[in-house]
Amino acid sequence: MKYEIMFIVRPNLEENELKGIVKNFETVLTKNGAKIESSKDMGQKELAYEINDHKSGYYYLYEISSKDDKAEKEFNRLANLSEDIIRHIIIKL
């Protein structure tokens, strides 16, 4: 199964905090059996509309492959709980 994951991290974080959050979510994917085919740091962009008082965010795009949907479901669960990720979307390719 192949998935494309895009998520937006809130903009008011220090650079090392930002890297830590991204690394943590990469670890979540790999520990749950996913292989990260490609990752792209798209940088800070302005949002189309304000989300939780944020007008911009750091965009990240991942393409992953896995045998089952365990990694995708765990990423989704943790992203919903995280205050650092203001939006995310997972698309099955």
PDB file of N, CA and C in Angstrom:
ATOM      1  N   MET A   1       0.837  -1.171   0.000  1.00  0.00           N
ATOM      2  CA  MET A   1       0.000   0.000   0.000  1.00  0.00           C
ATOM      3  C   MET A   1       0.888   1.243   0.000  1.00  0.00           C
ATOM      4  N   LYS A   2       0.502   2.202  -0.792  1.00  0.00           N
ATOM      5  CA  LYS A   2       1.259   3.455  -0.860  1.00  0.00           C
ATOM      6  C   LYS A   2       0.376   4.591  -0.374  1.00  0.00           C
ATOM      7  N   TYR A   3       0.989   5.500   0.362  1.00  0.00           N
ATOM      8  CA  TYR A   3       0.280   6.655   0.892  1.00  0.00           C
ATOM      9  C   TYR A   3       1.092   7.919   0.661  1.00  0.00           C
ATOM     10  N   GLU A   4       0.385   9.019   0.563  1.00  0.00           N
ATOM     11  CA  GLU A   4       1.012  10.332   0.536  1.00  0.00           C
ATOM     12  C   GLU A   4       0.499  11.075   1.768  1.00  0.00           C
ATOM     13  N   ILE A   5       1.420  11.585   2.558  1.00  0.00           N
ATOM     14  CA  ILE A   5       1.063  12.283   3.785  1.00  0.00           C
ATOM     15  C   ILE A   5       1.587  13.706   3.708  1.00  0.00           C
ATOM     16  N   MET A   6       0.707  14.666   3.901  1.00  0.00           N
ATOM     17  CA  MET A   6       1.129  16.063   3.993  1.00  0.00           C
ATOM     18  C   MET A   6       0.673  16.582   5.342  1.00  0.00           C
ATOM     19  N   PHE A   7       1.581  17.265   6.027  1.00  0.00           N
ATOM     20  CA  PHE A   7       1.196  17.858   7.295  1.00  0.00           C
ATOM     21  C   PHE A   7       1.820  19.240   7.450  1.00  0.00           C
ATOM     22  N   ILE A   8       1.154  20.066   8.253  1.00  0.00           N
ATOM     23  CA  ILE A   8       1.587  21.444   8.486  1.00  0.00           C
ATOM     24  C   ILE A   8       1.886  21.598   9.968  1.00  0.00           C
ATOM     25  N   VAL A   9       3.104  22.041  10.266  1.00  0.00           N
ATOM     26  CA  VAL A   9       3.549  22.245  11.637  1.00  0.00           C
ATOM     27  C   VAL A   9       3.431  23.730  11.960  1.00  0.00           C
ATOM     28  N   ARG A  10       3.010  24.025  13.189  1.00  0.00           N
ATOM     29  CA  ARG A  10       2.807  25.430  13.564  1.00  0.00           C
ATOM     30  C   ARG A  10       4.103  26.235  13.415  1.00  0.00           C
ATOM     31  N   PRO A  11       3.988  27.510  13.065  1.00  0.00           N
ATOM     32  CA  PRO A  11       5.160  28.304  12.687  1.00  0.00           C
ATOM     33  C   PRO A  11       5.967  28.884  13.841  1.00  0.00           C
ATOM     34  N   ASN A  12       5.448  28.875  15.051  1.00  0.00           N
ATOM     35  CA  ASN A  12       6.136  29.572  16.143  1.00  0.00           C
ATOM     36  C   ASN A  12       7.047  28.650  16.957  1.00  0.00           C
ATOM     37  N   LEU A  13       7.707  27.709  16.293  1.00  0.00           N
ATOM     38  CA  LEU A  13       8.632  26.786  16.945  1.00  0.00           C
ATOM     39  C   LEU A  13      10.070  27.139  16.597  1.00  0.00           C
ATOM     40  N   GLU A  14      10.966  26.815  17.513  1.00  0.00           N
ATOM     41  CA  GLU A  14      12.397  26.959  17.242  1.00  0.00           C
ATOM     42  C   GLU A  14      12.794  25.891  16.224  1.00  0.00           C
ATOM     43  N   GLU A  15      13.894  26.131  15.526  1.00  0.00           N
ATOM     44  CA  GLU A  15      14.329  25.201  14.472  1.00  0.00           C
ATOM     45  C   GLU A  15      14.589  23.800  15.009  1.00  0.00           C
ATOM     46  N   ASN A  16      15.243  23.699  16.180  1.00  0.00           N
ATOM     47  CA  ASN A  16      15.534  22.370  16.731  1.00  0.00           C
ATOM     48  C   ASN A  16      14.261  21.667  17.205  1.00  0.00           C
ATOM     49  N   GLU A  17      13.262  22.402  17.697  1.00  0.00           N
ATOM     50  CA  GLU A  17      11.975  21.801  18.061  1.00  0.00           C
ATOM     51  C   GLU A  17      11.265  21.268  16.822  1.00  0.00           C
ATOM     52  N   LEU A  18      11.314  22.040  15.756  1.00  0.00           N
ATOM     53  CA  LEU A  18      10.687  21.660  14.493  1.00  0.00           C
ATOM     54  C   LEU A  18      11.298  20.367  13.955  1.00  0.00           C
ATOM     55  N   LYS A  19      12.638  20.302  13.954  1.00  0.00           N
ATOM     56  CA  LYS A  19      13.324  19.100  13.486  1.00  0.00           C
ATOM     57  C   LYS A  19      12.993  17.899  14.356  1.00  0.00           C
ATOM     58  N   GLY A  20      12.857  18.118  15.659  1.00  0.00           N
ATOM     59  CA  GLY A  20      12.517  17.042  16.584  1.00  0.00           C
ATOM     60  C   GLY A  20      11.131  16.473  16.323  1.00  0.00           C
ATOM     61  N   ILE A  21      10.179  17.348  16.047  1.00  0.00           N
ATOM     62  CA  ILE A  21       8.812  16.914  15.764  1.00  0.00           C
ATOM     63  C   ILE A  21       8.770  16.100  14.481  1.00  0.00           C
ATOM     64  N   VAL A  22       9.425  16.592  13.439  1.00  0.00           N
ATOM     65  CA  VAL A  22       9.449  15.887  12.154  1.00  0.00           C
ATOM     66  C   VAL A  22      10.134  14.532  12.313  1.00  0.00           C
ATOM     67  N   LYS A  23      11.257  14.494  13.017  1.00  0.00           N
ATOM     68  CA  LYS A  23      11.985  13.236  13.248  1.00  0.00           C
ATOM     69  C   LYS A  23      11.118  12.252  14.027  1.00  0.00           C
ATOM     70  N   ASN A  24      10.375  12.761  15.013  1.00  0.00           N
ATOM     71  CA  ASN A  24       9.497  11.919  15.819  1.00  0.00           C
ATOM     72  C   ASN A  24       8.422  11.259  14.953  1.00  0.00           C
ATOM     73  N   PHE A  25       7.813  12.026  14.049  1.00  0.00           N
ATOM     74  CA  PHE A  25       6.778  11.456  13.191  1.00  0.00           C
ATOM     75  C   PHE A  25       7.361  10.517  12.138  1.00  0.00           C
ATOM     76  N   GLU A  26       8.598  10.754  11.695  1.00  0.00           N
ATOM     77  CA  GLU A  26       9.258   9.804  10.800  1.00  0.00           C
ATOM     78  C   GLU A  26       9.476   8.477  11.523  1.00  0.00           C
ATOM     79  N   THR A  27       9.874   8.552  12.795  1.00  0.00           N
ATOM     80  CA  THR A  27      10.093   7.358  13.603  1.00  0.00           C
ATOM     81  C   THR A  27       8.797   6.583  13.791  1.00  0.00           C
ATOM     82  N   VAL A  28       7.699   7.295  14.008  1.00  0.00           N
ATOM     83  CA  VAL A  28       6.389   6.645  14.145  1.00  0.00           C
ATOM     84  C   VAL A  28       6.084   5.819  12.896  1.00  0.00           C
ATOM     85  N   LEU A  29       6.340   6.391  11.731  1.00  0.00           N
ATOM     86  CA  LEU A  29       6.071   5.680  10.482  1.00  0.00           C
ATOM     87  C   LEU A  29       6.957   4.441  10.341  1.00  0.00           C
ATOM     88  N   THR A  30       8.249   4.594  10.553  1.00  0.00           N
ATOM     89  CA  THR A  30       9.171   3.476  10.344  1.00  0.00           C
ATOM     90  C   THR A  30       8.997   2.377  11.388  1.00  0.00           C
ATOM     91  N   LYS A  31       8.693   2.745  12.633  1.00  0.00           N
ATOM     92  CA  LYS A  31       8.491   1.735  13.681  1.00  0.00           C
ATOM     93  C   LYS A  31       7.232   0.915  13.450  1.00  0.00           C
ATOM     94  N   ASN A  32       6.300   1.457  12.703  1.00  0.00           N
ATOM     95  CA  ASN A  32       5.061   0.738  12.422  1.00  0.00           C
ATOM     96  C   ASN A  32       5.076   0.065  11.053  1.00  0.00           C
ATOM     97  N   GLY A  33       6.272  -0.137  10.503  1.00  0.00           N
ATOM     98  CA  GLY A  33       6.418  -0.952   9.304  1.00  0.00           C
ATOM     99  C   GLY A  33       6.370  -0.218   7.978  1.00  0.00           C
ATOM    100  N   ALA A  34       6.395   1.102   7.992  1.00  0.00           N
ATOM    101  CA  ALA A  34       6.355   1.849   6.735  1.00  0.00           C
ATOM    102  C   ALA A  34       7.775   2.164   6.259  1.00  0.00           C
ATOM    103  N   LYS A  35       7.906   2.258   4.960  1.00  0.00           N
ATOM    104  CA  LYS A  35       9.170   2.685   4.365  1.00  0.00           C
ATOM    105  C   LYS A  35       8.928   4.045   3.743  1.00  0.00           C
ATOM    106  N   ILE A  36       9.742   5.016   4.104  1.00  0.00           N
ATOM    107  CA  ILE A  36       9.594   6.368   3.559  1.00  0.00           C
ATOM    108  C   ILE A  36      10.274   6.398   2.201  1.00  0.00           C
ATOM    109  N   GLU A  37       9.466   6.466   1.138  1.00  0.00           N
ATOM    110  CA  GLU A  37       9.985   6.476  -0.227  1.00  0.00           C
ATOM    111  C   GLU A  37      10.596   7.828  -0.567  1.00  0.00           C
ATOM    112  N   SER A  38       9.911   8.903  -0.172  1.00  0.00           N
ATOM    113  CA  SER A  38      10.445  10.243  -0.412  1.00  0.00           C
ATOM    114  C   SER A  38       9.895  11.185   0.644  1.00  0.00           C
ATOM    115  N   SER A  39      10.688  12.200   0.952  1.00  0.00           N
ATOM    116  CA  SER A  39      10.247  13.223   1.899  1.00  0.00           C
ATOM    117  C   SER A  39      10.656  14.581   1.347  1.00  0.00           C
ATOM    118  N   LYS A  40       9.809  15.546   1.567  1.00  0.00           N
ATOM    119  CA  LYS A  40      10.081  16.868   1.034  1.00  0.00           C
ATOM    120  C   LYS A  40       9.710  17.921   2.066  1.00  0.00           C
ATOM    121  N   ASP A  41      10.679  18.749   2.427  1.00  0.00           N
ATOM    122  CA  ASP A  41      10.439  19.889   3.302  1.00  0.00           C
ATOM    123  C   ASP A  41      10.091  21.048   2.383  1.00  0.00           C
ATOM    124  N   MET A  42       8.848  21.457   2.395  1.00  0.00           N
ATOM    125  CA  MET A  42       8.386  22.495   1.478  1.00  0.00           C
ATOM    126  C   MET A  42       8.543  23.898   2.067  1.00  0.00           C
ATOM    127  N   GLY A  43       9.027  23.990   3.293  1.00  0.00           N
ATOM    128  CA  GLY A  43       9.292  25.275   3.911  1.00  0.00           C
ATOM    129  C   GLY A  43       8.049  25.926   4.487  1.00  0.00           C
ATOM    130  N   GLN A  44       8.246  27.152   4.938  1.00  0.00           N
ATOM    131  CA  GLN A  44       7.141  27.901   5.536  1.00  0.00           C
ATOM    132  C   GLN A  44       6.334  28.590   4.449  1.00  0.00           C
ATOM    133  N   LYS A  45       5.029  28.399   4.507  1.00  0.00           N
ATOM    134  CA  LYS A  45       4.125  28.999   3.528  1.00  0.00           C
ATOM    135  C   LYS A  45       2.959  29.650   4.254  1.00  0.00           C
ATOM    136  N   GLU A  46       2.380  30.633   3.610  1.00  0.00           N
ATOM    137  CA  GLU A  46       1.202  31.274   4.163  1.00  0.00           C
ATOM    138  C   GLU A  46      -0.014  30.382   3.943  1.00  0.00           C
ATOM    139  N   LEU A  47      -0.866  30.298   4.953  1.00  0.00           N
ATOM    140  CA  LEU A  47      -2.075  29.486   4.863  1.00  0.00           C
ATOM    141  C   LEU A  47      -3.161  30.232   4.097  1.00  0.00           C
ATOM    142  N   ALA A  48      -4.054  29.503   3.468  1.00  0.00           N
ATOM    143  CA  ALA A  48      -5.165  30.111   2.738  1.00  0.00           C
ATOM    144  C   ALA A  48      -6.124  30.807   3.699  1.00  0.00           C
ATOM    145  N   TYR A  49      -6.237  30.278   4.910  1.00  0.00           N
ATOM    146  CA  TYR A  49      -7.064  30.882   5.949  1.00  0.00           C
ATOM    147  C   TYR A  49      -6.410  30.601   7.292  1.00  0.00           C
ATOM    148  N   GLU A  50      -6.734  31.393   8.278  1.00  0.00           N
ATOM    149  CA  GLU A  50      -6.128  31.276   9.591  1.00  0.00           C
ATOM    150  C   GLU A  50      -6.595  29.996  10.291  1.00  0.00           C
ATOM    151  N   ILE A  51      -5.645  29.265  10.871  1.00  0.00           N
ATOM    152  CA  ILE A  51      -5.949  28.045  11.625  1.00  0.00           C
ATOM    153  C   ILE A  51      -5.367  28.204  13.021  1.00  0.00           C
ATOM    154  N   ASN A  52      -6.221  28.159  14.031  1.00  0.00           N
ATOM    155  CA  ASN A  52      -5.781  28.292  15.435  1.00  0.00           C
ATOM    156  C   ASN A  52      -4.877  29.511  15.640  1.00  0.00           C
ATOM    157  N   ASP A  53      -5.260  30.638  15.086  1.00  0.00           N
ATOM    158  CA  ASP A  53      -4.522  31.906  15.178  1.00  0.00           C
ATOM    159  C   ASP A  53      -3.177  31.886  14.456  1.00  0.00           C
ATOM    160  N   HIS A  54      -2.936  30.912  13.577  1.00  0.00           N
ATOM    161  CA  HIS A  54      -1.699  30.855  12.789  1.00  0.00           C
ATOM    162  C   HIS A  54      -2.013  31.257  11.354  1.00  0.00           C
ATOM    163  N   LYS A  55      -1.161  32.118  10.803  1.00  0.00           N
ATOM    164  CA  LYS A  55      -1.355  32.567   9.422  1.00  0.00           C
ATOM    165  C   LYS A  55      -0.407  31.871   8.453  1.00  0.00           C
ATOM    166  N   SER A  56       0.557  31.113   8.992  1.00  0.00           N
ATOM    167  CA  SER A  56       1.490  30.361   8.152  1.00  0.00           C
ATOM    168  C   SER A  56       1.857  29.071   8.875  1.00  0.00           C
ATOM    169  N   GLY A  57       2.590  28.208   8.169  1.00  0.00           N
ATOM    170  CA  GLY A  57       3.021  26.949   8.761  1.00  0.00           C
ATOM    171  C   GLY A  57       4.106  26.312   7.918  1.00  0.00           C
ATOM    172  N   TYR A  58       4.786  25.339   8.520  1.00  0.00           N
ATOM    173  CA  TYR A  58       5.832  24.598   7.813  1.00  0.00           C
ATOM    174  C   TYR A  58       5.213  23.345   7.202  1.00  0.00           C
ATOM    175  N   TYR A  59       5.342  23.223   5.888  1.00  0.00           N
ATOM    176  CA  TYR A  59       4.726  22.128   5.140  1.00  0.00           C
ATOM    177  C   TYR A  59       5.733  21.002   4.916  1.00  0.00           C
ATOM    178  N   TYR A  60       5.263  19.765   5.097  1.00  0.00           N
ATOM    179  CA  TYR A  60       6.069  18.572   4.844  1.00  0.00           C
ATOM    180  C   TYR A  60       5.240  17.577   4.042  1.00  0.00           C
ATOM    181  N   LEU A  61       5.895  16.899   3.108  1.00  0.00           N
ATOM    182  CA  LEU A  61       5.220  15.925   2.247  1.00  0.00           C
ATOM    183  C   LEU A  61       6.023  14.631   2.256  1.00  0.00           C
ATOM    184  N   TYR A  62       5.334  13.516   2.519  1.00  0.00           N
ATOM    185  CA  TYR A  62       5.966  12.201   2.540  1.00  0.00           C
ATOM    186  C   TYR A  62       5.218  11.253   1.625  1.00  0.00           C
ATOM    187  N   GLU A  63       5.963  10.392   0.953  1.00  0.00           N
ATOM    188  CA  GLU A  63       5.392   9.253   0.250  1.00  0.00           C
ATOM    189  C   GLU A  63       5.912   8.029   0.968  1.00  0.00           C
ATOM    190  N   ILE A  64       4.978   7.178   1.431  1.00  0.00           N
ATOM    191  CA  ILE A  64       5.381   5.988   2.166  1.00  0.00           C
ATOM    192  C   ILE A  64       4.769   4.754   1.525  1.00  0.00           C
ATOM    193  N   SER A  65       5.376   3.612   1.806  1.00  0.00           N
ATOM    194  CA  SER A  65       4.801   2.336   1.383  1.00  0.00           C
ATOM    195  C   SER A  65       4.863   1.397   2.579  1.00  0.00           C
ATOM    196  N   SER A  66       3.842   0.561   2.699  1.00  0.00           N
ATOM    197  CA  SER A  66       3.798  -0.405   3.794  1.00  0.00           C
ATOM    198  C   SER A  66       2.916  -1.582   3.407  1.00  0.00           C
ATOM    199  N   LYS A  67       3.047  -2.673   4.164  1.00  0.00           N
ATOM    200  CA  LYS A  67       2.257  -3.875   3.896  1.00  0.00           C
ATOM    201  C   LYS A  67       0.806  -3.699   4.321  1.00  0.00           C
ATOM    202  N   ASP A  68       0.595  -2.941   5.401  1.00  0.00           N
ATOM    203  CA  ASP A  68      -0.760  -2.725   5.910  1.00  0.00           C
ATOM    204  C   ASP A  68      -0.945  -1.245   6.252  1.00  0.00           C
ATOM    205  N   ASP A  69      -2.065  -0.916   6.875  1.00  0.00           N
ATOM    206  CA  ASP A  69      -2.348   0.492   7.179  1.00  0.00           C
ATOM    207  C   ASP A  69      -2.018   0.869   8.615  1.00  0.00           C
ATOM    208  N   LYS A  70      -1.241   0.041   9.303  1.00  0.00           N
ATOM    209  CA  LYS A  70      -0.895   0.289  10.705  1.00  0.00           C
ATOM    210  C   LYS A  70      -0.148   1.620  10.893  1.00  0.00           C
ATOM    211  N   ALA A  71       0.853   1.878  10.062  1.00  0.00           N
ATOM    212  CA  ALA A  71       1.648   3.104  10.178  1.00  0.00           C
ATOM    213  C   ALA A  71       0.798   4.335   9.888  1.00  0.00           C
ATOM    214  N   GLU A  72      -0.029   4.239   8.865  1.00  0.00           N
ATOM    215  CA  GLU A  72      -0.895   5.369   8.493  1.00  0.00           C
ATOM    216  C   GLU A  72      -1.873   5.682   9.610  1.00  0.00           C
ATOM    217  N   LYS A  73      -2.466   4.663  10.208  1.00  0.00           N
ATOM    218  CA  LYS A  73      -3.433   4.877  11.293  1.00  0.00           C
ATOM    219  C   LYS A  73      -2.770   5.468  12.532  1.00  0.00           C
ATOM    220  N   GLU A  74      -1.578   4.995  12.870  1.00  0.00           N
ATOM    221  CA  GLU A  74      -0.868   5.524  14.039  1.00  0.00           C
ATOM    222  C   GLU A  74      -0.440   6.965  13.801  1.00  0.00           C
ATOM    223  N   PHE A  75       0.043   7.280  12.598  1.00  0.00           N
ATOM    224  CA  PHE A  75       0.395   8.663  12.262  1.00  0.00           C
ATOM    225  C   PHE A  75      -0.838   9.551  12.411  1.00  0.00           C
ATOM    226  N   ASN A  76      -1.954   9.118  11.872  1.00  0.00           N
ATOM    227  CA  ASN A  76      -3.196   9.882  11.931  1.00  0.00           C
ATOM    228  C   ASN A  76      -3.618  10.124  13.382  1.00  0.00           C
ATOM    229  N   ARG A  77      -3.536   9.097  14.210  1.00  0.00           N
ATOM    230  CA  ARG A  77      -3.924   9.206  15.618  1.00  0.00           C
ATOM    231  C   ARG A  77      -3.051  10.224  16.353  1.00  0.00           C
ATOM    232  N   LEU A  78      -1.735  10.110  16.164  1.00  0.00           N
ATOM    233  CA  LEU A  78      -0.810  11.006  16.865  1.00  0.00           C
ATOM    234  C   LEU A  78      -0.879  12.438  16.328  1.00  0.00           C
ATOM    235  N   ALA A  79      -1.109  12.586  15.032  1.00  0.00           N
ATOM    236  CA  ALA A  79      -1.224  13.932  14.447  1.00  0.00           C
ATOM    237  C   ALA A  79      -2.481  14.626  14.968  1.00  0.00           C
ATOM    238  N   ASN A  80      -3.553  13.879  15.170  1.00  0.00           N
ATOM    239  CA  ASN A  80      -4.772  14.461  15.731  1.00  0.00           C
ATOM    240  C   ASN A  80      -4.568  14.904  17.176  1.00  0.00           C
ATOM    241  N   LEU A  81      -3.726  14.198  17.918  1.00  0.00           N
ATOM    242  CA  LEU A  81      -3.466  14.541  19.318  1.00  0.00           C
ATOM    243  C   LEU A  81      -2.448  15.668  19.477  1.00  0.00           C
ATOM    244  N   SER A  82      -1.567  15.809  18.518  1.00  0.00           N
ATOM    245  CA  SER A  82      -0.467  16.772  18.620  1.00  0.00           C
ATOM    246  C   SER A  82      -0.952  18.214  18.448  1.00  0.00           C
ATOM    247  N   GLU A  83      -0.487  19.077  19.332  1.00  0.00           N
ATOM    248  CA  GLU A  83      -0.783  20.504  19.213  1.00  0.00           C
ATOM    249  C   GLU A  83       0.162  21.179  18.220  1.00  0.00           C
ATOM    250  N   ASP A  84       1.247  20.496  17.868  1.00  0.00           N
ATOM    251  CA  ASP A  84       2.241  21.073  16.961  1.00  0.00           C
ATOM    252  C   ASP A  84       1.837  20.936  15.499  1.00  0.00           C
ATOM    253  N   ILE A  85       1.053  19.936  15.165  1.00  0.00           N
ATOM    254  CA  ILE A  85       0.578  19.760  13.789  1.00  0.00           C
ATOM    255  C   ILE A  85      -0.806  20.394  13.694  1.00  0.00           C
ATOM    256  N   ILE A  86      -0.899  21.437  12.859  1.00  0.00           N
ATOM    257  CA  ILE A  86      -2.175  22.160  12.788  1.00  0.00           C
ATOM    258  C   ILE A  86      -3.109  21.583  11.728  1.00  0.00           C
ATOM    259  N   ARG A  87      -2.582  20.892  10.732  1.00  0.00           N
ATOM    260  CA  ARG A  87      -3.395  20.193   9.727  1.00  0.00           C
ATOM    261  C   ARG A  87      -2.579  19.050   9.142  1.00  0.00           C
ATOM    262  N   HIS A  88      -3.284  17.983   8.733  1.00  0.00           N
ATOM    263  CA  HIS A  88      -2.629  16.893   8.016  1.00  0.00           C
ATOM    264  C   HIS A  88      -3.650  16.209   7.123  1.00  0.00           C
ATOM    265  N   ILE A  89      -3.130  15.553   6.099  1.00  0.00           N
ATOM    266  CA  ILE A  89      -3.983  14.783   5.204  1.00  0.00           C
ATOM    267  C   ILE A  89      -3.198  13.561   4.755  1.00  0.00           C
ATOM    268  N   ILE A  90      -3.916  12.430   4.662  1.00  0.00           N
ATOM    269  CA  ILE A  90      -3.311  11.177   4.213  1.00  0.00           C
ATOM    270  C   ILE A  90      -4.119  10.675   3.035  1.00  0.00           C
ATOM    271  N   ILE A  91      -3.437  10.437   1.930  1.00  0.00           N
ATOM    272  CA  ILE A  91      -4.095   9.979   0.706  1.00  0.00           C
ATOM    273  C   ILE A  91      -3.518   8.635   0.307  1.00  0.00           C
ATOM    274  N   LYS A  92      -4.397   7.669   0.062  1.00  0.00           N
ATOM    275  CA  LYS A  92      -3.959   6.361  -0.420  1.00  0.00           C
ATOM    276  C   LYS A  92      -3.758   6.456  -1.916  1.00  0.00           C
ATOM    277  N   LEU A  93      -2.560   6.081  -2.381  1.00  0.00           N
ATOM    278  CA  LEU A  93      -2.247   6.175  -3.812  1.00  0.00           C
ATOM    279  C   LEU A  93      -2.604   4.899  -4.537  1.00  0.00           C
TER     280      LEU A  93
END
